[in-house]
Structures are given as structure tokens and as C-alpha cells.
Amino acid sequence: MKRLKQLSLMTWQTFTRHISPAALATILAALVVSFLLFVPPLRGLADNGTLPQILANNGLYRLSGYQTTSYVNPQLGIMQYFNELRGTSFTSQTLFVQFAILLNKLVHSQTVFDVRFLGLTYMIPYLGGIYLLTKAMTQPFRRIRSYFLAVVIVFVFADASFILSFNSFYATPVMVIGMLYVVATTLIVARQRQINWQLVVGFFVGVALLVTATPQNGPLVLCCLIASGGFFLVVTRGPRWLWLLTGILLVLVLGGLSYTSLSSEQRAVNRYQSFTHGVLTQDTDASQAIAHSGISRQYGLMKGEDYYPTAFTAKRPSSHSVNRQLLQRYTLGWVSRYYIQHPRQFMTLLNLAASDMMITQNKSVGDYQQGAGKGPGAQVTIFTGFSAAAGSFFPRRFAFNLLLAVALLMVFVVGVYNDLQAQRVASVVRFFLVCGLLLIFISVPVMAIIGGGTTELAQRLLMVPLSIDMVLLIFVADLLNHRLWHADDAETEV
């Protein structure tokens, strides 16, 4: 028995000497991602009907037999002729798609695009983010709890609900990658006495990816800049403050450009469905309430209608009268005043958002290609443990979210006080990061309800689970490493 114990100890010491927690997390994540994306049959997310514009904007088109909602499309055509829609709008997703197309042309085909090249393009920076995040939460320790934390990180962020989107044209992978780099670089900066400008650049690149992934993410630039507030405590020399301010100014501009990049038609769609799927969702007749606020009572009959109706509608949403009498009057100020005057209805909608926010697996589309032996709309069930548990057991009330945010802030503020007393800044930098993440956690449901009502709510709430998952991971990491309420001196090791 003693010999067996010695052998186990020697094996463990050899393992920890050659494999760090960050390396273990990267290896495990690479295995999961490779299986889900590249081992036949092809897995991904089918087109829910919103992707043709993204495809056209990137010079791709649908081949014969293209499937919508039921099956993943493994191949697309690469346009060989002039495309008037190409480059008409820009998101950070375009960078990844264009690189994947270039790689596809170099090693596969000039005319047919295989979506697995897109999966590979996302996979490489994703694994880098997993490595940095695990390093940020475990270094310099190589204890059992560090390796346990590495496995937890993989369990959370290598969940199939995130990874399957790599073989698709949704913005989810860009947001996941951006969030990994924003959090990882900030945590590493928090541990160092001198700022590493490569990490700061990595932080602002991550923010840029996040806020330009979709136009609705533009306002989140303010939350991300709050998260960067601790950098000014690490930077002590004036000229370096100027560089930080320049980075902040650049991402502010990017956030503003992203938010204003919506076409007039897209804005009309959002306003219309915010009205019909938000304001008009109260149990009683909303006609009197909207008339009191300056919109004709007749539009109270449009409850639940979409901008692109599939059945008969009394008034065509794109008509001149709807635009003049409804959409031009339905401004951000109007809807904000309406919900302030009807707080119970607004809280009902926020509770509905809270019930959807942790459901990260897209249930409306299939995950397999046709011919894989799966039925239409079949879902992947392997490597979905975290998303299934979070979607089932996380409380579904917005009031709970508020209480959770306050409780977490109170926990982290103790570490801030203790570190300030000891003239250390690690907990202070982490606190700014947590504040930014919790602001995303609370503000995104509000913006989603005001901006689009209950339409495609789960898809527009992706930043909510990403932010709260990160905060809870930071909490667990600090707890396991005994630095929740004070910074360990070992943290300053690079």
C-alpha cells in the first residue's frame, strides 16, 4: 500500500511538472471541440431563416438542397460574380468568415465553401482564450484544486450549446471568444505589479469583438469600459494613461458605429416588434394606454404580430401609414416612459426574459446534417451538461438576478477594502471587472425588452449567461485559491 501511494505521488508530481492547469484545460477543450465540429457526422446549427443576408454580405450563396431549421448545411457556394450586397454591413464576425473563406480557397476549393473551415477559424482563438482564462484563474498554483478549476472551465465554456455555433454563421462564437479574452487579460493584469501592454491590447481587442459582434451589443461598450477601470490603478505614469484613454476612445467609437450600423429597415423591424411583442403584451386592452401616450388606439389590434407576417394582417407593417403614425412616434423615449408608467407589465416581461436567459442551446433548429441518421431538428445531447443544468435550475425571476448581483458585489467589495488597506490593487482590478460583468447581467434583459420585446428573446440574451458564468467562475476561483477577501502575494508572480 505504501509503495502504491509513493507511485501515485510520483505520477502526480510528474504530471503537474509537465502539464499545467491551463495546458490541461486547453487539451480537454480541444478534444471536445474537435469531436463536436470535425468528427462525422457534421454537427452545427441550422439556419433559422436569418442567415441569407450574412451569407450574401460575405460573398456566399445557398447551394441546391439548402435546408432551413431542420438540418445543418455542410457546404455553400462562393460567389464568382459581382455581389452588390458584399460589404454593405460590417461586424467582427466578418473577419472570421473572410479568413475562413481564404483558408478554404487555399486548401480546398475556389467555388465551394466547407463550413468546417469556419469552425477551425473560430477554434484557434477560442483555445487561446481558454488557455489564458485558466492561467489567469490558477497561476502560479499547480494543486489539485487548480486542475479541478481547469476542468470546471472546460465544463462551462466547452459546452455544446456554445461550440456548435462555430460551424454556423451566428454571432455566438465571436461573443464567446471576446468574453474569454476580456476576462482573462483583466485577471492577469490584476495579478501583476507592472502592466503588460500585450494584455491591455488583448483586452481592447476582446472588447472590440464583443461590441461589434452584433449591432445590439454596441451599448455594452460602456459596461466593458467600467470593467477596465482598474487598469488606471495599475498604470501609475501619466503617458501610459494617455494610451489607455486612446484605447477607450477607439472602442467607444467602435461601439457607436456598431450600434448605428443597423439599416432603416432593421430599425423598423425592431421598433415594430418591440411594440407588438412588448408594449401590447399586457393582459388587458392596451388601446387606451397607448392612446394616452400619443399613438392611435387602432394599433392596439396588432398584438403579437411580426413585421413580416405569415398570415393576414389588417395593416401592412411596412406601409406608409404605419411608419408615420406608429414607428416614427415609437421612440426610445416613448417606450421608456410607457414602461415607467406600467412597471408591473415591465417586470412581467423581465421575468419572462429571466426564464430564458440561461437557455443557451438553440432549440429552434437542428444540429445535424441531413443523412446523419437523425430526424429533422434533432439536437446534440452530448457535452450539454452545463447548459442543461443552468437552464433547469437557475432561478427564473429578475428580482433574484438583482439580489444576486448585489450579493456578489458585497462579497467582492470586502476584498477591495482589505487590499486598499494593504496598498494592493489586485482585488480592486477584479472588482471593476465584476462590476462591468454584472452590469451586463442586469442591463441586457432591459435593453432586449425595450429594443425588441419578446421576439427571439433567448438569442438576444446570450451576453447574460456569459457574464454571470464568468462572475461565478471568478468567485469560485478566488474561493478555492483563498484570495476572495485578500490578494495572495503569490498572485504577483508572472
Protein backbone atom coordinates (compact mmCIF):
# COMPACT_ATOMS: atom_id res chain seq x y z
CA MET A 1 0.00 0.00 0.00
CA LYS A 2 2.82 2.38 0.90
CA ARG A 3 4.56 1.62 -2.39
CA LEU A 4 1.36 2.25 -4.31
CA LYS A 5 0.95 5.57 -2.53
CA GLN A 6 4.51 6.57 -3.41
CA LEU A 7 3.96 5.59 -7.05
CA SER A 8 0.75 7.64 -7.18
CA LEU A 9 2.54 10.64 -5.67
CA MET A 10 5.41 10.36 -8.18
CA THR A 11 2.95 10.08 -11.07
CA TRP A 12 1.06 13.14 -9.86
CA GLN A 13 4.28 15.14 -9.43
CA THR A 14 5.43 14.18 -12.93
CA PHE A 15 2.04 15.13 -14.36
CA THR A 16 1.95 18.52 -12.63
CA ARG A 17 5.54 19.24 -13.62
CA HIS A 18 4.82 18.77 -17.34
CA ILE A 19 1.12 19.68 -17.64
CA SER A 20 -0.10 22.98 -16.15
CA PRO A 21 -3.81 23.54 -15.34
CA ALA A 22 -4.01 25.88 -18.35
CA ALA A 23 -2.49 23.24 -20.63
CA LEU A 24 -4.90 20.61 -19.30
CA ALA A 25 -7.91 22.86 -19.93
CA THR A 26 -6.69 23.61 -23.47
CA ILE A 27 -6.15 19.92 -24.26
CA LEU A 28 -9.56 18.91 -22.91
CA ALA A 29 -11.31 21.77 -24.73
CA ALA A 30 -9.51 20.88 -27.98
CA LEU A 31 -10.69 17.27 -27.70
CA VAL A 32 -14.31 18.30 -27.08
CA VAL A 33 -14.34 20.91 -29.84
CA SER A 34 -12.65 18.61 -32.35
CA PHE A 35 -15.17 15.84 -31.67
CA LEU A 36 -18.19 18.13 -31.97
CA LEU A 37 -17.05 20.02 -35.06
CA PHE A 38 -14.91 17.65 -37.12
CA VAL A 39 -15.76 14.02 -36.29
CA PRO A 40 -18.55 12.78 -38.64
CA PRO A 41 -21.45 13.30 -38.79
CA LEU A 42 -21.18 17.06 -39.20
CA ARG A 43 -22.68 18.98 -36.30
CA GLY A 44 -23.52 22.67 -36.06
CA LEU A 45 -26.57 24.92 -36.02
CA ALA A 46 -29.05 25.00 -38.86
CA ASP A 47 -30.22 28.25 -40.46
CA ASN A 48 -33.20 29.72 -38.58
CA GLY A 49 -34.03 31.92 -41.57
CA THR A 50 -31.85 34.89 -40.61
CA LEU A 51 -28.59 33.87 -42.29
CA PRO A 52 -29.07 34.60 -46.05
CA GLN A 53 -28.17 38.27 -45.59
CA ILE A 54 -25.00 37.35 -43.67
CA LEU A 55 -24.06 34.86 -46.38
CA ALA A 56 -24.60 37.37 -49.17
CA ASN A 57 -22.67 40.04 -47.32
CA ASN A 58 -19.68 37.67 -47.22
CA GLY A 59 -19.87 36.53 -50.84
CA LEU A 60 -21.52 33.16 -50.19
CA TYR A 61 -24.74 31.67 -51.54
CA ARG A 62 -27.00 28.70 -50.88
CA LEU A 63 -26.49 25.58 -52.97
CA SER A 64 -29.24 23.30 -54.24
CA GLY A 65 -30.87 21.37 -51.41
CA TYR A 66 -30.16 24.07 -48.81
CA GLN A 67 -32.02 23.29 -45.57
CA THR A 68 -33.65 25.74 -43.17
CA THR A 69 -34.19 24.95 -39.45
CA SER A 70 -34.13 21.14 -39.86
CA TYR A 71 -30.57 20.30 -40.89
CA VAL A 72 -27.09 21.87 -40.94
CA ASN A 73 -25.79 22.84 -44.37
CA PRO A 74 -22.22 21.50 -44.71
CA GLN A 75 -21.37 23.39 -47.90
CA LEU A 76 -22.10 26.74 -49.52
CA GLY A 77 -21.20 28.30 -52.84
CA ILE A 78 -18.56 31.01 -53.18
CA MET A 79 -19.80 33.77 -55.49
CA GLN A 80 -17.80 34.12 -58.69
CA TYR A 81 -19.61 37.23 -59.93
CA PHE A 82 -20.21 40.80 -58.77
CA ASN A 83 -22.12 40.89 -55.49
CA GLU A 84 -23.85 44.19 -54.83
CA LEU A 85 -24.58 43.19 -51.22
CA ARG A 86 -20.98 42.36 -50.34
CA GLY A 87 -19.57 44.66 -47.68
CA THR A 88 -22.83 46.58 -47.18
CA SER A 89 -22.60 46.00 -43.42
CA PHE A 90 -19.74 45.07 -41.11
CA THR A 91 -19.46 43.09 -37.89
CA SER A 92 -16.43 41.50 -36.28
CA GLN A 93 -17.91 38.19 -37.42
CA THR A 94 -16.97 39.22 -40.98
CA LEU A 95 -13.26 39.00 -40.11
CA PHE A 96 -13.55 35.34 -39.11
CA VAL A 97 -15.77 34.42 -42.07
CA GLN A 98 -13.46 36.07 -44.60
CA PHE A 99 -10.39 34.37 -43.12
CA ALA A 100 -12.20 31.02 -43.27
CA ILE A 101 -13.09 31.61 -46.94
CA LEU A 102 -9.46 32.47 -47.72
CA LEU A 103 -8.27 29.31 -45.97
CA ASN A 104 -10.89 27.27 -47.81
CA LYS A 105 -9.71 28.64 -51.17
CA LEU A 106 -6.08 27.87 -50.36
CA VAL A 107 -6.51 24.22 -49.36
CA HIS A 108 -9.95 23.06 -50.51
CA SER A 109 -11.91 24.81 -53.29
CA GLN A 110 -12.30 28.13 -55.07
CA THR A 111 -16.03 27.62 -55.61
CA VAL A 112 -17.39 25.54 -52.68
CA PHE A 113 -17.07 26.58 -49.05
CA ASP A 114 -16.95 23.89 -46.33
CA VAL A 115 -18.30 25.25 -43.02
CA ARG A 116 -15.71 23.26 -41.07
CA PHE A 117 -13.12 25.84 -42.14
CA LEU A 118 -15.19 28.40 -40.24
CA GLY A 119 -15.23 26.08 -37.23
CA LEU A 120 -11.44 25.79 -37.42
CA THR A 121 -11.07 29.56 -37.72
CA TYR A 122 -13.07 30.05 -34.52
CA MET A 123 -11.42 27.15 -32.71
CA ILE A 124 -7.87 28.51 -32.75
CA PRO A 125 -8.51 31.85 -30.93
CA TYR A 126 -11.08 30.10 -28.70
CA LEU A 127 -8.45 27.65 -27.41
CA GLY A 128 -6.10 30.58 -26.81
CA GLY A 129 -8.83 32.21 -24.73
CA ILE A 130 -9.39 29.02 -22.71
CA TYR A 131 -5.64 28.82 -22.01
CA LEU A 132 -5.42 32.44 -20.88
CA LEU A 133 -8.56 32.24 -18.73
CA THR A 134 -7.38 29.09 -16.95
CA LYS A 135 -3.93 30.59 -16.46
CA ALA A 136 -5.49 33.75 -15.04
CA MET A 137 -7.59 31.78 -12.53
CA THR A 138 -4.98 29.22 -11.42
CA GLN A 139 -1.42 30.52 -11.85
CA PRO A 140 1.00 30.10 -10.12
CA PHE A 141 -0.62 27.15 -8.33
CA ARG A 142 -0.45 23.53 -9.55
CA ARG A 143 -2.53 21.96 -6.84
CA ILE A 144 -5.47 19.60 -7.12
CA ARG A 145 -7.91 22.48 -6.82
CA SER A 146 -6.23 24.23 -9.76
CA TYR A 147 -6.75 21.22 -12.01
CA PHE A 148 -10.31 20.89 -10.72
CA LEU A 149 -10.89 24.51 -11.70
CA ALA A 150 -9.44 23.81 -15.16
CA VAL A 151 -11.98 21.01 -15.64
CA VAL A 152 -14.80 23.31 -14.48
CA ILE A 153 -13.78 25.96 -17.03
CA VAL A 154 -13.93 23.35 -19.80
CA PHE A 155 -17.27 22.07 -18.49
CA VAL A 156 -18.73 25.58 -18.71
CA PHE A 157 -17.21 27.01 -21.88
CA ALA A 158 -16.78 23.86 -23.97
CA ASP A 159 -20.49 23.15 -23.65
CA ALA A 160 -22.02 22.08 -26.97
CA SER A 161 -24.51 24.97 -26.81
CA PHE A 162 -21.55 27.31 -27.46
CA ILE A 163 -19.34 25.09 -29.62
CA LEU A 164 -21.94 24.01 -32.18
CA SER A 165 -22.30 27.63 -33.29
CA PHE A 166 -18.69 27.51 -34.55
CA ASN A 167 -19.97 25.59 -37.60
CA SER A 168 -22.55 28.26 -38.35
CA PHE A 169 -22.94 31.93 -39.23
CA TYR A 170 -24.41 33.15 -35.94
CA ALA A 171 -22.53 35.71 -33.86
CA THR A 172 -22.27 33.46 -30.78
CA PRO A 173 -18.62 32.34 -31.32
CA VAL A 174 -17.40 35.93 -31.61
CA MET A 175 -19.07 36.85 -28.30
CA VAL A 176 -17.68 33.77 -26.53
CA ILE A 177 -14.15 34.44 -27.78
CA GLY A 178 -14.36 38.15 -26.97
CA MET A 179 -15.59 37.46 -23.43
CA LEU A 180 -12.79 34.93 -22.80
CA TYR A 181 -10.10 37.46 -23.73
CA VAL A 182 -11.69 40.40 -21.89
CA VAL A 183 -11.90 38.50 -18.60
CA ALA A 184 -8.62 36.58 -18.91
CA THR A 185 -6.47 39.62 -19.71
CA THR A 186 -8.03 41.69 -16.91
CA LEU A 187 -7.44 38.96 -14.32
CA ILE A 188 -3.81 38.57 -15.35
CA VAL A 189 -3.27 42.35 -15.22
CA ALA A 190 -4.77 42.29 -11.73
CA ARG A 191 -2.03 39.94 -10.59
CA GLN A 192 0.92 41.93 -11.93
CA ARG A 193 2.60 44.95 -10.38
CA GLN A 194 3.54 46.33 -13.81
CA ILE A 195 1.06 46.47 -16.65
CA ASN A 196 1.69 44.26 -19.66
CA TRP A 197 0.71 46.16 -22.77
CA GLN A 198 0.17 42.96 -24.75
CA LEU A 199 -2.55 42.08 -22.24
CA VAL A 200 -4.11 45.53 -22.47
CA VAL A 201 -4.18 45.26 -26.26
CA GLY A 202 -5.75 41.81 -25.85
CA PHE A 203 -8.39 43.32 -23.58
CA PHE A 204 -9.37 46.05 -26.05
CA VAL A 205 -9.38 43.56 -28.94
CA GLY A 206 -11.75 41.39 -26.90
CA VAL A 207 -13.98 44.40 -26.20
CA ALA A 208 -13.95 45.33 -29.90
CA LEU A 209 -15.04 41.79 -30.82
CA LEU A 210 -17.84 41.89 -28.27
CA VAL A 211 -19.34 45.25 -29.13
CA THR A 212 -19.16 44.75 -32.90
CA ALA A 213 -20.38 41.13 -32.96
CA THR A 214 -23.94 42.40 -33.47
CA PRO A 215 -25.34 45.95 -33.53
CA GLN A 216 -27.36 45.30 -30.36
CA ASN A 217 -24.07 44.83 -28.47
CA GLY A 218 -22.94 48.39 -29.19
CA PRO A 219 -24.17 49.86 -25.86
CA LEU A 220 -22.25 47.19 -23.96
CA VAL A 221 -19.06 49.12 -24.64
CA LEU A 222 -19.89 51.19 -21.53
CA CYS A 223 -20.05 48.05 -19.38
CA CYS A 224 -16.72 46.85 -20.77
CA LEU A 225 -15.10 50.21 -20.08
CA ILE A 226 -16.24 50.02 -16.45
CA ALA A 227 -14.51 46.63 -16.37
CA SER A 228 -11.28 48.34 -17.48
CA GLY A 229 -11.42 50.95 -14.70
CA GLY A 230 -8.92 49.02 -12.57
CA PHE A 231 -6.23 49.45 -15.22
CA PHE A 232 -5.80 53.06 -14.11
CA LEU A 233 -4.72 51.79 -10.68
CA VAL A 234 -2.00 49.63 -12.25
CA VAL A 235 -0.78 52.37 -14.60
CA THR A 236 0.96 54.99 -12.49
CA ARG A 237 2.70 57.12 -15.14
CA GLY A 238 0.86 59.87 -16.99
CA PRO A 239 1.86 59.00 -20.60
CA ARG A 240 0.54 55.46 -20.17
CA TRP A 241 -2.81 56.85 -19.03
CA LEU A 242 -2.94 58.58 -22.40
CA TRP A 243 -2.55 55.23 -24.19
CA LEU A 244 -5.33 53.74 -22.08
CA LEU A 245 -7.60 56.67 -22.85
CA THR A 246 -6.82 56.26 -26.56
CA GLY A 247 -7.87 52.61 -26.38
CA ILE A 248 -11.06 53.57 -24.56
CA LEU A 249 -11.84 56.22 -27.18
CA LEU A 250 -11.33 53.73 -30.01
CA VAL A 251 -13.69 51.11 -28.56
CA LEU A 252 -16.25 53.82 -27.79
CA VAL A 253 -16.19 54.80 -31.46
CA LEU A 254 -16.49 51.15 -32.49
CA GLY A 255 -19.42 50.65 -30.13
CA GLY A 256 -21.17 53.71 -31.52
CA LEU A 257 -20.55 52.65 -35.11
CA SER A 258 -21.81 49.15 -34.37
CA TYR A 259 -25.00 50.41 -32.74
CA THR A 260 -25.73 52.80 -35.60
CA SER A 261 -24.94 50.28 -38.34
CA LEU A 262 -28.48 48.91 -38.44
CA SER A 263 -30.28 49.67 -41.68
CA SER A 264 -33.50 51.69 -41.61
CA GLU A 265 -35.47 48.53 -42.36
CA GLN A 266 -33.88 46.64 -39.46
CA ARG A 267 -34.65 49.53 -37.13
CA ALA A 268 -38.27 49.50 -38.31
CA VAL A 269 -38.49 45.75 -37.67
CA ASN A 270 -37.10 46.13 -34.14
CA ARG A 271 -39.38 49.02 -33.24
CA TYR A 272 -42.47 47.32 -34.65
CA GLN A 273 -41.84 44.03 -32.82
CA SER A 274 -40.85 45.85 -29.63
CA PHE A 275 -44.32 47.37 -29.79
CA THR A 276 -46.34 44.31 -30.80
CA HIS A 277 -44.39 41.79 -28.70
CA GLY A 278 -43.67 44.11 -25.78
CA VAL A 279 -45.93 47.08 -25.15
CA LEU A 280 -49.06 45.21 -26.32
CA THR A 281 -48.43 42.09 -24.22
CA GLN A 282 -50.35 43.30 -21.17
CA ASP A 283 -53.35 41.16 -20.18
CA THR A 284 -55.86 43.99 -20.53
CA ASP A 285 -56.63 46.01 -23.66
CA ALA A 286 -53.65 48.29 -24.36
CA SER A 287 -55.53 50.61 -26.70
CA GLN A 288 -56.35 53.20 -24.07
CA ALA A 289 -52.83 53.20 -22.65
CA ILE A 290 -51.13 53.77 -25.98
CA ALA A 291 -53.70 56.41 -26.97
CA HIS A 292 -52.90 58.27 -23.75
CA SER A 293 -49.24 58.20 -24.82
CA GLY A 294 -49.87 59.61 -28.29
CA ILE A 295 -50.27 56.55 -30.53
CA SER A 296 -53.59 55.77 -32.22
CA ARG A 297 -55.75 53.20 -30.46
CA GLN A 298 -56.16 51.22 -33.70
CA TYR A 299 -52.62 49.89 -33.34
CA GLY A 300 -53.64 48.06 -30.19
CA LEU A 301 -55.09 45.41 -32.53
CA MET A 302 -51.59 44.41 -33.69
CA LYS A 303 -50.74 42.46 -30.54
CA GLY A 304 -48.36 39.57 -31.27
CA GLU A 305 -47.87 40.40 -34.96
CA ASP A 306 -44.50 40.17 -36.72
CA TYR A 307 -43.09 42.73 -39.13
CA TYR A 308 -43.03 40.03 -41.80
CA PRO A 309 -46.46 38.40 -41.26
CA THR A 310 -47.13 34.87 -42.46
CA ALA A 311 -50.91 35.32 -42.44
CA PHE A 312 -53.49 38.07 -42.98
CA THR A 313 -52.84 41.35 -41.22
CA ALA A 314 -55.18 44.36 -41.05
CA LYS A 315 -52.35 46.78 -41.89
CA ARG A 316 -49.14 46.04 -43.67
CA PRO A 317 -46.29 46.82 -41.21
CA SER A 318 -44.17 48.40 -43.95
CA SER A 319 -46.96 50.70 -45.11
CA HIS A 320 -46.58 54.48 -45.10
CA SER A 321 -49.35 54.97 -42.51
CA VAL A 322 -47.77 52.53 -40.03
CA ASN A 323 -44.40 54.21 -40.47
CA ARG A 324 -45.80 57.72 -39.99
CA GLN A 325 -48.38 57.10 -37.26
CA LEU A 326 -46.60 54.36 -35.29
CA LEU A 327 -42.91 53.83 -35.97
CA GLN A 328 -41.90 57.49 -36.13
CA ARG A 329 -43.64 58.12 -32.80
CA TYR A 330 -42.39 54.93 -31.16
CA THR A 331 -39.04 56.27 -29.96
CA LEU A 332 -36.76 55.13 -27.15
CA GLY A 333 -38.15 57.96 -25.01
CA TRP A 334 -41.74 56.87 -25.71
CA VAL A 335 -41.23 53.22 -24.79
CA SER A 336 -39.16 54.13 -21.71
CA ARG A 337 -41.92 56.42 -20.43
CA TYR A 338 -44.53 53.75 -21.16
CA TYR A 339 -42.76 51.09 -19.08
CA ILE A 340 -42.12 53.57 -16.25
CA GLN A 341 -45.87 54.19 -16.20
CA HIS A 342 -46.59 50.43 -16.35
CA PRO A 343 -43.98 48.85 -14.03
CA ARG A 344 -45.96 45.66 -13.41
CA GLN A 345 -46.08 44.86 -17.12
CA PHE A 346 -42.38 45.64 -17.49
CA MET A 347 -41.49 43.34 -14.57
CA THR A 348 -43.59 40.56 -16.13
CA LEU A 349 -41.58 40.90 -19.34
CA LEU A 350 -38.30 40.95 -17.39
CA ASN A 351 -39.34 37.77 -15.59
CA LEU A 352 -40.01 36.21 -18.98
CA ALA A 353 -36.51 37.23 -20.03
CA ALA A 354 -35.10 35.78 -16.80
CA SER A 355 -36.77 32.45 -17.56
CA ASP A 356 -34.97 32.28 -20.93
CA MET A 357 -31.62 33.82 -20.17
CA MET A 358 -29.70 30.67 -19.12
CA ILE A 359 -31.04 28.57 -22.02
CA THR A 360 -28.03 28.78 -24.32
CA GLN A 361 -28.83 25.79 -26.54
CA ASN A 362 -30.76 26.86 -29.63
CA LYS A 363 -33.84 24.62 -29.54
CA SER A 364 -35.43 26.03 -32.69
CA VAL A 365 -33.00 24.47 -35.20
CA GLY A 366 -31.40 21.10 -35.85
CA ASP A 367 -27.78 20.24 -35.03
CA TYR A 368 -27.01 17.54 -37.62
CA GLN A 369 -26.56 17.46 -41.37
CA GLN A 370 -29.07 15.55 -43.47
CA GLY A 371 -28.10 11.91 -43.94
CA ALA A 372 -26.58 11.55 -40.49
CA GLY A 373 -29.34 9.20 -39.40
CA LYS A 374 -31.03 11.83 -37.26
CA GLY A 375 -34.54 13.19 -37.66
CA PRO A 376 -35.33 16.78 -38.73
CA GLY A 377 -34.44 19.22 -35.97
CA ALA A 378 -32.54 16.60 -33.92
CA GLN A 379 -30.44 18.08 -31.10
CA VAL A 380 -26.99 17.14 -29.82
CA THR A 381 -27.19 15.81 -26.25
CA ILE A 382 -23.53 15.03 -25.55
CA PHE A 383 -21.43 17.71 -23.80
CA THR A 384 -24.53 19.71 -22.86
CA GLY A 385 -24.41 19.05 -19.11
CA PHE A 386 -23.75 22.62 -18.02
CA SER A 387 -26.29 24.32 -20.28
CA ALA A 388 -28.94 21.76 -19.34
CA ALA A 389 -28.31 22.20 -15.61
CA ALA A 390 -28.16 26.00 -15.80
CA GLY A 391 -31.32 26.19 -17.88
CA SER A 392 -33.18 23.91 -15.48
CA PHE A 393 -32.08 25.05 -12.03
CA PHE A 394 -31.15 28.73 -12.26
CA PRO A 395 -33.97 30.79 -10.64
CA ARG A 396 -36.26 32.40 -13.22
CA ARG A 397 -37.08 35.73 -11.61
CA PHE A 398 -35.50 39.06 -12.47
CA ALA A 399 -35.70 40.11 -8.80
CA PHE A 400 -33.40 37.19 -7.98
CA ASN A 401 -30.92 38.46 -10.57
CA LEU A 402 -30.89 41.86 -8.87
CA LEU A 403 -30.37 40.31 -5.43
CA LEU A 404 -27.63 38.04 -6.77
CA ALA A 405 -25.81 41.00 -8.33
CA VAL A 406 -25.98 42.97 -5.08
CA ALA A 407 -24.81 39.99 -3.03
CA LEU A 408 -21.83 39.34 -5.30
CA LEU A 409 -20.83 43.00 -5.23
CA MET A 410 -20.94 42.97 -1.42
CA VAL A 411 -18.73 39.88 -1.33
CA PHE A 412 -16.12 41.34 -3.68
CA VAL A 413 -16.11 44.79 -2.07
CA VAL A 414 -14.69 43.26 1.13
CA GLY A 415 -11.60 42.22 -0.80
CA VAL A 416 -11.36 45.73 -2.23
CA TYR A 417 -11.36 47.25 1.26
CA ASN A 418 -8.75 44.79 2.56
CA ASP A 419 -6.44 45.30 -0.43
CA LEU A 420 -6.67 49.07 -0.23
CA GLN A 421 -5.71 48.85 3.44
CA ALA A 422 -2.68 46.75 2.44
CA GLN A 423 -1.88 49.04 -0.52
CA ARG A 424 -2.54 46.30 -3.09
CA VAL A 425 -4.67 46.59 -6.20
CA ALA A 426 -5.43 43.02 -7.31
CA SER A 427 -8.88 42.82 -5.71
CA VAL A 428 -9.68 46.36 -6.86
CA VAL A 429 -8.98 45.50 -10.51
CA ARG A 430 -11.09 42.35 -10.16
CA PHE A 431 -13.88 44.38 -8.58
CA PHE A 432 -14.08 46.73 -11.58
CA LEU A 433 -14.23 43.68 -13.85
CA VAL A 434 -17.03 42.13 -11.79
CA CYS A 435 -18.94 45.44 -11.82
CA GLY A 436 -18.80 45.56 -15.62
CA LEU A 437 -19.91 41.94 -15.95
CA LEU A 438 -22.79 42.34 -13.50
CA LEU A 439 -23.93 45.47 -15.32
CA ILE A 440 -24.16 43.35 -18.48
CA PHE A 441 -26.05 40.71 -16.49
CA ILE A 442 -28.67 43.25 -15.39
CA SER A 443 -28.84 45.65 -18.33
CA VAL A 444 -29.05 43.26 -21.29
CA PRO A 445 -32.55 41.93 -20.40
CA VAL A 446 -33.78 45.52 -20.03
CA MET A 447 -32.30 46.53 -23.40
CA ALA A 448 -33.66 43.36 -25.03
CA ILE A 449 -37.24 44.02 -23.87
CA ILE A 450 -37.14 47.70 -24.83
CA GLY A 451 -35.38 47.05 -28.14
CA GLY A 452 -37.33 44.07 -29.46
CA GLY A 453 -39.92 42.83 -26.99
CA THR A 454 -40.08 39.07 -26.60
CA THR A 455 -39.08 38.29 -30.20
CA GLU A 456 -36.18 35.78 -30.35
CA LEU A 457 -35.53 36.67 -26.72
CA ALA A 458 -33.25 33.76 -25.85
CA GLN A 459 -30.89 34.57 -28.75
CA ARG A 460 -30.62 38.24 -27.77
CA LEU A 461 -29.76 37.37 -24.17
CA LEU A 462 -26.55 35.42 -24.83
CA MET A 463 -24.36 38.02 -23.09
CA VAL A 464 -26.32 37.43 -19.86
CA PRO A 465 -25.23 33.81 -19.23
CA LEU A 466 -21.73 34.60 -20.48
CA SER A 467 -21.31 37.43 -17.96
CA ILE A 468 -22.81 35.66 -14.92
CA ASP A 469 -20.89 32.45 -15.71
CA MET A 470 -17.68 34.49 -15.66
CA VAL A 471 -18.52 36.20 -12.36
CA LEU A 472 -19.37 32.90 -10.68
CA LEU A 473 -16.16 31.35 -12.01
CA ILE A 474 -14.13 34.26 -10.64
CA PHE A 475 -15.90 33.78 -7.30
CA VAL A 476 -15.15 30.03 -7.23
CA ALA A 477 -11.53 30.57 -8.30
CA ASP A 478 -10.95 33.19 -5.58
CA LEU A 479 -12.61 30.92 -3.04
CA LEU A 480 -10.52 27.88 -3.96
CA ASN A 481 -7.30 29.91 -4.03
CA HIS A 482 -8.09 31.61 -0.69
CA ARG A 483 -7.93 35.11 -2.15
CA LEU A 484 -11.58 36.10 -2.12
CA TRP A 485 -11.13 38.78 0.54
CA HIS A 486 -7.43 39.48 0.09
CA ALA A 487 -4.79 39.12 -2.63
CA ASP A 488 -2.19 36.46 -2.07
CA ASP A 489 1.38 37.67 -2.52
CA ALA A 490 1.92 34.76 -4.88
CA GLU A 491 -0.54 36.37 -7.26
CA THR A 492 2.06 38.91 -8.28
CA GLU A 493 4.23 36.20 -9.81
CA VAL A 494 4.21 36.27 -13.59
